Amino acid sequence: MNRTEFVFATAIILFAAFALGWFAYWLLHRFSRIAGSDLGEVDRLAQSLHEAEEMRDQAILFLEQREAELSSQLAQTEAELRATMEGLRDARQQADDLRTRLDRASAG
């Protein structure tokens, strides 16, 4: 192989490498390209997603506040129930004591 043949062989190999690289680049961008109209759709979807996330966060916050409020009301109601039950127990004991005194007074 003389010098001229070597230069042509090298040029052909470099051109083939260039052509293969360009073709790979073209294929990659052909399949991964987002068209202008699709970009607008992606922006609209991103905005909708952002709004949905904000609404979800607000709903979670509302539910946490409501849960805290209801827990407080439940604790208060349970305290009132305990106080009422103690009062009822004391009233029953007093009623039993009065019946016992009344029975003794009636019998005696």
Protein backbone atom coordinates (compact mmCIF):
# COMPACT_ATOMS: atom_id res chain seq x y z
CA MET A 1 0.00 0.00 0.00
CA ASN A 2 1.58 3.27 -1.05
CA ARG A 3 1.06 6.68 0.46
CA THR A 4 -1.82 7.75 -1.82
CA GLU A 5 -3.82 4.58 -1.16
CA PHE A 6 -3.25 5.04 2.58
CA VAL A 7 -4.56 8.64 2.46
CA PHE A 8 -7.67 7.56 0.48
CA ALA A 9 -8.35 4.63 2.85
CA THR A 10 -8.00 6.92 5.87
CA ALA A 11 -10.27 9.53 4.27
CA ILE A 12 -12.92 6.90 3.50
CA ILE A 13 -12.77 5.55 7.08
CA LEU A 14 -13.04 9.06 8.57
CA PHE A 15 -15.94 9.93 6.23
CA ALA A 16 -17.73 6.68 7.18
CA ALA A 17 -17.23 7.47 10.89
CA PHE A 18 -18.57 11.00 10.34
CA ALA A 19 -21.58 9.68 8.39
CA LEU A 20 -22.31 7.05 11.06
CA GLY A 21 -22.09 9.67 13.85
CA TRP A 22 -24.33 12.08 11.98
CA PHE A 23 -26.88 9.32 11.32
CA ALA A 24 -26.87 8.30 15.00
CA TYR A 25 -27.37 11.96 16.02
CA TRP A 26 -30.24 12.32 13.55
CA LEU A 27 -31.91 9.13 14.83
CA LEU A 28 -31.54 10.19 18.44
CA HIS A 29 -33.12 13.58 17.85
CA ARG A 30 -35.77 12.19 15.56
CA PHE A 31 -37.13 9.90 18.28
CA SER A 32 -36.57 12.14 21.30
CA ARG A 33 -37.61 15.48 19.80
CA ILE A 34 -40.54 17.38 21.29
CA ALA A 35 -42.39 19.43 18.72
CA GLY A 36 -43.41 23.03 19.45
CA SER A 37 -47.05 22.13 19.91
CA ASP A 38 -46.07 19.28 22.19
CA LEU A 39 -43.97 21.68 24.27
CA GLY A 40 -47.04 23.82 24.91
CA GLU A 41 -48.92 20.71 25.98
CA VAL A 42 -46.09 19.76 28.32
CA ASP A 43 -46.16 23.26 29.86
CA ARG A 44 -49.94 23.06 30.32
CA LEU A 45 -49.64 19.64 31.95
CA ALA A 46 -46.86 20.89 34.23
CA GLN A 47 -49.03 23.83 35.30
CA SER A 48 -51.99 21.54 35.93
CA LEU A 49 -49.80 19.23 37.97
CA HIS A 50 -48.51 22.15 40.02
CA GLU A 51 -52.06 23.35 40.72
CA ALA A 52 -53.16 19.84 41.66
CA GLU A 53 -50.25 19.51 44.07
CA GLU A 54 -51.15 22.85 45.68
CA MET A 55 -54.79 21.76 46.07
CA ARG A 56 -53.63 18.45 47.55
CA ASP A 57 -51.41 20.27 50.06
CA GLN A 58 -54.30 22.57 51.01
CA ALA A 59 -56.61 19.57 51.45
CA ILE A 60 -54.06 17.80 53.63
CA LEU A 61 -53.64 20.93 55.75
CA PHE A 62 -57.42 21.29 56.09
CA LEU A 63 -57.79 17.64 57.08
CA GLU A 64 -55.01 17.91 59.66
CA GLN A 65 -56.64 21.01 61.17
CA ARG A 66 -60.04 19.34 61.18
CA GLU A 67 -58.59 16.21 62.77
CA ALA A 68 -56.94 18.29 65.51
CA GLU A 69 -60.21 20.13 66.11
CA LEU A 70 -62.21 16.91 66.30
CA SER A 71 -59.61 15.30 68.59
CA SER A 72 -59.91 18.31 70.90
CA GLN A 73 -63.70 18.07 70.87
CA LEU A 74 -63.50 14.34 71.56
CA ALA A 75 -61.16 14.86 74.51
CA GLN A 76 -63.47 17.56 75.88
CA THR A 77 -66.54 15.36 75.43
CA GLU A 78 -64.80 12.43 77.14
CA ALA A 79 -63.86 14.70 80.07
CA GLU A 80 -67.46 15.88 80.33
CA LEU A 81 -68.65 12.27 80.19
CA ARG A 82 -66.28 11.28 83.00
CA ALA A 83 -67.49 14.23 85.09
CA THR A 84 -71.12 13.34 84.38
CA MET A 85 -70.52 9.68 85.26
CA GLU A 86 -68.88 10.71 88.55
CA GLY A 87 -71.81 13.00 89.31
CA LEU A 88 -74.27 10.21 88.47
CA ARG A 89 -72.35 7.78 90.67
CA ASP A 90 -72.39 10.30 93.55
CA ALA A 91 -76.12 10.94 93.02
CA ARG A 92 -76.85 7.18 93.06
CA GLN A 93 -74.81 6.77 96.23
CA GLN A 94 -76.65 9.66 97.88
CA ALA A 95 -79.98 8.20 96.73
CA ASP A 96 -79.01 4.81 98.21
CA ASP A 97 -77.94 6.51 101.47
CA LEU A 98 -81.26 8.41 101.62
CA ARG A 99 -83.24 5.20 100.94
CA THR A 100 -81.31 3.44 103.66
CA ARG A 101 -82.03 6.27 106.09
CA LEU A 102 -85.66 6.35 105.03
CA ASP A 103 -86.00 2.58 105.48
CA ARG A 104 -84.43 2.82 108.94
CA ALA A 105 -86.67 5.74 109.88
CA SER A 106 -89.76 3.88 108.60
CA ALA A 107 -88.78 0.69 110.39
CA GLY A 108 -87.82 2.38 113.64
